[in-house]
């Protein structure tokens, strides 16, 4: 039975629902990577941040509105490059989202990517300050008891990167 409406999700030429296949493929790949790495419990806030950060990276690295193209070695290397510690990931995400909007790709995939980015940027989590690495004078390790508020992407991105390395 065909749906009577697309509920504002944008229709297809056949009158059916617009399915965000590119986003769903990216999210599936991200979930597989994070589950295989088993660094944090599925369902935790950290897991969700890592899932959204990796899904955004996979989705924005690919063609607009095209499904993610899987585990080609070049793709994994590209994703590792985008998620590396010394890379400016948030500006890259903003630029890619803006380019997709400008090219007229305002479909359901873009809407889900924008929502994921908004959640990662606007949700703050309390965590250990990993940027406050070892004290150079004493050589002591990071104090895990000392926590600060961080945007969710700051936790999700290193989790995504490490999970890609462990896949």
C-alpha atoms as a PDB file:
ATOM      1  CA  UNK A   1       0.000   0.000   0.000  1.00  0.00           C
ATOM      2  CA  UNK A   2       1.409   3.380  -1.018  1.00  0.00           C
ATOM      3  CA  UNK A   3       1.503   6.222   1.516  1.00  0.00           C
ATOM      4  CA  UNK A   4      -0.817   9.118   0.824  1.00  0.00           C
ATOM      5  CA  UNK A   5       1.708  11.771   1.783  1.00  0.00           C
ATOM      6  CA  UNK A   6       5.410  12.297   2.186  1.00  0.00           C
ATOM      7  CA  UNK A   7       4.827  14.292   5.386  1.00  0.00           C
ATOM      8  CA  UNK A   8       7.127  17.039   4.147  1.00  0.00           C
ATOM      9  CA  UNK A   9      10.049  14.682   3.639  1.00  0.00           C
ATOM     10  CA  UNK A  10      10.130  15.378  -0.080  1.00  0.00           C
ATOM     11  CA  UNK A  11       8.633  13.061  -2.616  1.00  0.00           C
ATOM     12  CA  UNK A  12      10.082  10.856  -5.249  1.00  0.00           C
ATOM     13  CA  UNK A  13       8.931  10.814  -8.835  1.00  0.00           C
ATOM     14  CA  UNK A  14       6.754   7.787  -8.032  1.00  0.00           C
ATOM     15  CA  UNK A  15       4.975   9.571  -5.189  1.00  0.00           C
ATOM     16  CA  UNK A  16       6.564   7.453  -2.443  1.00  0.00           C
ATOM     17  CA  UNK A  17       8.588   8.481   0.564  1.00  0.00           C
ATOM     18  CA  UNK A  18      12.070   9.858   0.095  1.00  0.00           C
ATOM     19  CA  UNK A  19      14.347   7.393   1.870  1.00  0.00           C
ATOM     20  CA  UNK A  20      17.659   8.778   3.183  1.00  0.00           C
ATOM     21  CA  UNK A  21      19.747   5.860   1.876  1.00  0.00           C
ATOM     22  CA  UNK A  22      23.071   7.713   1.869  1.00  0.00           C
ATOM     23  CA  UNK A  23      22.695   8.672   5.530  1.00  0.00           C
ATOM     24  CA  UNK A  24      21.403   5.246   6.543  1.00  0.00           C
ATOM     25  CA  UNK A  25      24.383   3.553   4.844  1.00  0.00           C
ATOM     26  CA  UNK A  26      26.834   5.916   6.554  1.00  0.00           C
ATOM     27  CA  UNK A  27      25.193   5.341   9.930  1.00  0.00           C
ATOM     28  CA  UNK A  28      25.232   1.560   9.404  1.00  0.00           C
ATOM     29  CA  UNK A  29      28.958   1.584   8.559  1.00  0.00           C
ATOM     30  CA  UNK A  30      29.680   3.758  11.601  1.00  0.00           C
ATOM     31  CA  UNK A  31      27.710   1.413  13.849  1.00  0.00           C
ATOM     32  CA  UNK A  32      29.594  -1.635  12.523  1.00  0.00           C
ATOM     33  CA  UNK A  33      32.954   0.031  13.157  1.00  0.00           C
ATOM     34  CA  UNK A  34      32.072   1.136  16.692  1.00  0.00           C
ATOM     35  CA  UNK A  35      30.577  -2.220  17.672  1.00  0.00           C
ATOM     36  CA  UNK A  36      33.599  -4.114  16.332  1.00  0.00           C
ATOM     37  CA  UNK A  37      36.000  -1.846  18.241  1.00  0.00           C
ATOM     38  CA  UNK A  38      34.014  -2.354  21.466  1.00  0.00           C
ATOM     39  CA  UNK A  39      35.567   0.695  23.136  1.00  0.00           C
ATOM     40  CA  UNK A  40      32.358   1.923  24.779  1.00  0.00           C
ATOM     41  CA  UNK A  41      28.989   0.370  25.513  1.00  0.00           C
ATOM     42  CA  UNK A  42      26.431   0.638  22.704  1.00  0.00           C
ATOM     43  CA  UNK A  43      23.669   2.978  23.785  1.00  0.00           C
ATOM     44  CA  UNK A  44      25.932   5.172  25.916  1.00  0.00           C
ATOM     45  CA  UNK A  45      26.237   8.891  25.239  1.00  0.00           C
ATOM     46  CA  UNK A  46      29.844   8.387  24.188  1.00  0.00           C
ATOM     47  CA  UNK A  47      28.804   5.692  21.713  1.00  0.00           C
ATOM     48  CA  UNK A  48      26.122   7.924  20.233  1.00  0.00           C
ATOM     49  CA  UNK A  49      28.615  10.789  19.857  1.00  0.00           C
ATOM     50  CA  UNK A  50      31.099   8.476  18.138  1.00  0.00           C
ATOM     51  CA  UNK A  51      28.387   7.063  15.886  1.00  0.00           C
ATOM     52  CA  UNK A  52      27.219  10.492  14.763  1.00  0.00           C
ATOM     53  CA  UNK A  53      30.768  11.802  14.270  1.00  0.00           C
ATOM     54  CA  UNK A  54      31.778   8.808  12.165  1.00  0.00           C
ATOM     55  CA  UNK A  55      28.497   8.752  10.215  1.00  0.00           C
ATOM     56  CA  UNK A  56      28.935  12.447   9.408  1.00  0.00           C
ATOM     57  CA  UNK A  57      32.499  11.841   8.275  1.00  0.00           C
ATOM     58  CA  UNK A  58      31.500   8.906   6.054  1.00  0.00           C
ATOM     59  CA  UNK A  59      28.475  10.720   4.644  1.00  0.00           C
ATOM     60  CA  UNK A  60      30.217  14.016   3.942  1.00  0.00           C
ATOM     61  CA  UNK A  61      33.209  12.275   2.368  1.00  0.00           C
ATOM     62  CA  UNK A  62      30.989  10.655  -0.252  1.00  0.00           C
ATOM     63  CA  UNK A  63      28.946  11.994  -3.108  1.00  0.00           C
ATOM     64  CA  UNK A  64      25.875  14.057  -2.191  1.00  0.00           C
ATOM     65  CA  UNK A  65      22.811  11.807  -1.922  1.00  0.00           C
ATOM     66  CA  UNK A  66      24.815   8.746  -2.889  1.00  0.00           C
ATOM     67  CA  UNK A  67      25.126   5.713  -0.627  1.00  0.00           C
ATOM     68  CA  UNK A  68      28.392   5.213   1.200  1.00  0.00           C
ATOM     69  CA  UNK A  69      30.673   3.027  -0.888  1.00  0.00           C
ATOM     70  CA  UNK A  70      31.837   0.659   1.790  1.00  0.00           C
ATOM     71  CA  UNK A  71      35.262  -0.416   2.967  1.00  0.00           C
ATOM     72  CA  UNK A  72      37.497   0.477   0.069  1.00  0.00           C
ATOM     73  CA  UNK A  73      40.975   0.995   1.540  1.00  0.00           C
ATOM     74  CA  UNK A  74      41.175   4.526   0.183  1.00  0.00           C
ATOM     75  CA  UNK A  75      37.926   5.421   1.905  1.00  0.00           C
ATOM     76  CA  UNK A  76      39.100   4.258   5.319  1.00  0.00           C
ATOM     77  CA  UNK A  77      42.334   6.210   4.897  1.00  0.00           C
ATOM     78  CA  UNK A  78      40.303   9.273   3.945  1.00  0.00           C
ATOM     79  CA  UNK A  79      38.049   8.877   6.999  1.00  0.00           C
ATOM     80  CA  UNK A  80      41.107   8.458   9.236  1.00  0.00           C
ATOM     81  CA  UNK A  81      42.524  11.656   7.759  1.00  0.00           C
ATOM     82  CA  UNK A  82      39.360  13.621   8.449  1.00  0.00           C
ATOM     83  CA  UNK A  83      39.068  12.355  12.036  1.00  0.00           C
ATOM     84  CA  UNK A  84      42.738  12.813  12.966  1.00  0.00           C
ATOM     85  CA  UNK A  85      43.495  14.866  16.070  1.00  0.00           C
ATOM     86  CA  UNK A  86      45.340  17.651  14.274  1.00  0.00           C
ATOM     87  CA  UNK A  87      42.637  18.229  11.641  1.00  0.00           C
ATOM     88  CA  UNK A  88      40.024  20.998  11.885  1.00  0.00           C
ATOM     89  CA  UNK A  89      37.007  18.665  11.718  1.00  0.00           C
ATOM     90  CA  UNK A  90      34.203  21.125  12.688  1.00  0.00           C
ATOM     91  CA  UNK A  91      35.062  23.638   9.937  1.00  0.00           C
ATOM     92  CA  UNK A  92      35.287  20.767   7.448  1.00  0.00           C
ATOM     93  CA  UNK A  93      31.802  19.571   8.467  1.00  0.00           C
ATOM     94  CA  UNK A  94      30.386  23.101   8.218  1.00  0.00           C
ATOM     95  CA  UNK A  95      31.949  23.629   4.767  1.00  0.00           C
ATOM     96  CA  UNK A  96      30.668  20.302   3.429  1.00  0.00           C
ATOM     97  CA  UNK A  97      27.153  20.903   4.765  1.00  0.00           C
ATOM     98  CA  UNK A  98      27.126  24.413   3.264  1.00  0.00           C
ATOM     99  CA  UNK A  99      28.310  23.030  -0.092  1.00  0.00           C
ATOM    100  CA  UNK A 100      25.532  20.434  -0.051  1.00  0.00           C
ATOM    101  CA  UNK A 101      22.931  23.108   0.736  1.00  0.00           C
ATOM    102  CA  UNK A 102      24.281  25.338  -2.037  1.00  0.00           C
ATOM    103  CA  UNK A 103      24.161  22.526  -4.584  1.00  0.00           C
ATOM    104  CA  UNK A 104      20.461  22.045  -3.898  1.00  0.00           C
ATOM    105  CA  UNK A 105      20.836  18.738  -2.061  1.00  0.00           C
ATOM    106  CA  UNK A 106      18.215  19.576   0.556  1.00  0.00           C
ATOM    107  CA  UNK A 107      16.855  16.029   0.760  1.00  0.00           C
ATOM    108  CA  UNK A 108      16.308  13.808   3.763  1.00  0.00           C
ATOM    109  CA  UNK A 109      19.999  12.803   3.859  1.00  0.00           C
ATOM    110  CA  UNK A 110      21.079  16.393   4.311  1.00  0.00           C
ATOM    111  CA  UNK A 111      18.407  16.981   6.946  1.00  0.00           C
ATOM    112  CA  UNK A 112      19.667  14.021   9.003  1.00  0.00           C
ATOM    113  CA  UNK A 113      23.300  15.102   8.604  1.00  0.00           C
ATOM    114  CA  UNK A 114      22.448  18.642   9.745  1.00  0.00           C
ATOM    115  CA  UNK A 115      20.545  17.268  12.736  1.00  0.00           C
ATOM    116  CA  UNK A 116      23.470  15.020  13.690  1.00  0.00           C
ATOM    117  CA  UNK A 117      25.909  17.943  13.453  1.00  0.00           C
ATOM    118  CA  UNK A 118      23.620  20.163  15.518  1.00  0.00           C
ATOM    119  CA  UNK A 119      23.422  17.481  18.226  1.00  0.00           C
ATOM    120  CA  UNK A 120      27.186  16.973  18.273  1.00  0.00           C
ATOM    121  CA  UNK A 121      27.856  20.703  18.402  1.00  0.00           C
ATOM    122  CA  UNK A 122      25.135  21.704  20.891  1.00  0.00           C
ATOM    123  CA  UNK A 123      25.225  18.752  23.313  1.00  0.00           C
ATOM    124  CA  UNK A 124      27.816  19.134  26.039  1.00  0.00           C
ATOM    125  CA  UNK A 125      29.187  16.213  28.029  1.00  0.00           C
ATOM    126  CA  UNK A 126      31.294  16.052  31.160  1.00  0.00           C
ATOM    127  CA  UNK A 127      34.510  14.138  30.560  1.00  0.00           C
ATOM    128  CA  UNK A 128      38.206  13.934  31.323  1.00  0.00           C
ATOM    129  CA  UNK A 129      40.204  16.720  29.729  1.00  0.00           C
ATOM    130  CA  UNK A 130      42.414  14.783  27.325  1.00  0.00           C
ATOM    131  CA  UNK A 131      43.945  18.003  26.023  1.00  0.00           C
ATOM    132  CA  UNK A 132      45.436  18.583  29.483  1.00  0.00           C
ATOM    133  CA  UNK A 133      47.926  15.758  28.840  1.00  0.00           C
ATOM    134  CA  UNK A 134      50.772  14.800  31.125  1.00  0.00           C
ATOM    135  CA  UNK A 135      52.352  17.573  33.162  1.00  0.00           C
ATOM    136  CA  UNK A 136      55.734  18.200  31.561  1.00  0.00           C
ATOM    137  CA  UNK A 137      57.389  19.062  34.881  1.00  0.00           C
ATOM    138  CA  UNK A 138      56.324  15.972  36.807  1.00  0.00           C
ATOM    139  CA  UNK A 139      55.598  13.569  33.971  1.00  0.00           C
ATOM    140  CA  UNK A 140      52.382  12.518  35.680  1.00  0.00           C
ATOM    141  CA  UNK A 141      49.606  11.085  33.517  1.00  0.00           C
ATOM    142  CA  UNK A 142      46.282  12.769  32.801  1.00  0.00           C
ATOM    143  CA  UNK A 143      44.191  13.145  35.948  1.00  0.00           C
ATOM    144  CA  UNK A 144      41.021  11.221  35.057  1.00  0.00           C
ATOM    145  CA  UNK A 145      39.230  12.657  38.086  1.00  0.00           C
ATOM    146  CA  UNK A 146      39.505  16.173  36.694  1.00  0.00           C
ATOM    147  CA  UNK A 147      36.608  16.642  34.295  1.00  0.00           C
ATOM    148  CA  UNK A 148      35.437  19.488  32.116  1.00  0.00           C
ATOM    149  CA  UNK A 149      32.455  20.156  29.847  1.00  0.00           C
ATOM    150  CA  UNK A 150      33.074  19.365  26.189  1.00  0.00           C
ATOM    151  CA  UNK A 151      30.880  19.470  23.093  1.00  0.00           C
ATOM    152  CA  UNK A 152      29.867  15.913  22.144  1.00  0.00           C
ATOM    153  CA  UNK A 153      31.910  15.962  18.947  1.00  0.00           C
ATOM    154  CA  UNK A 154      35.110  16.353  21.030  1.00  0.00           C
ATOM    155  CA  UNK A 155      34.428  12.934  22.561  1.00  0.00           C
ATOM    156  CA  UNK A 156      32.896  11.306  19.500  1.00  0.00           C
ATOM    157  CA  UNK A 157      35.613  12.213  17.030  1.00  0.00           C
ATOM    158  CA  UNK A 158      38.552  10.521  18.832  1.00  0.00           C
ATOM    159  CA  UNK A 159      36.327   7.501  19.488  1.00  0.00           C
ATOM    160  CA  UNK A 160      35.490   7.318  15.775  1.00  0.00           C
ATOM    161  CA  UNK A 161      39.156   7.670  14.817  1.00  0.00           C
ATOM    162  CA  UNK A 162      40.363   4.992  17.219  1.00  0.00           C
ATOM    163  CA  UNK A 163      37.546   2.662  16.183  1.00  0.00           C
ATOM    164  CA  UNK A 164      38.591   3.009  12.539  1.00  0.00           C
ATOM    165  CA  UNK A 165      42.153   2.051  13.506  1.00  0.00           C
ATOM    166  CA  UNK A 166      40.906  -1.037  15.366  1.00  0.00           C
ATOM    167  CA  UNK A 167      38.498  -2.275  12.697  1.00  0.00           C
END
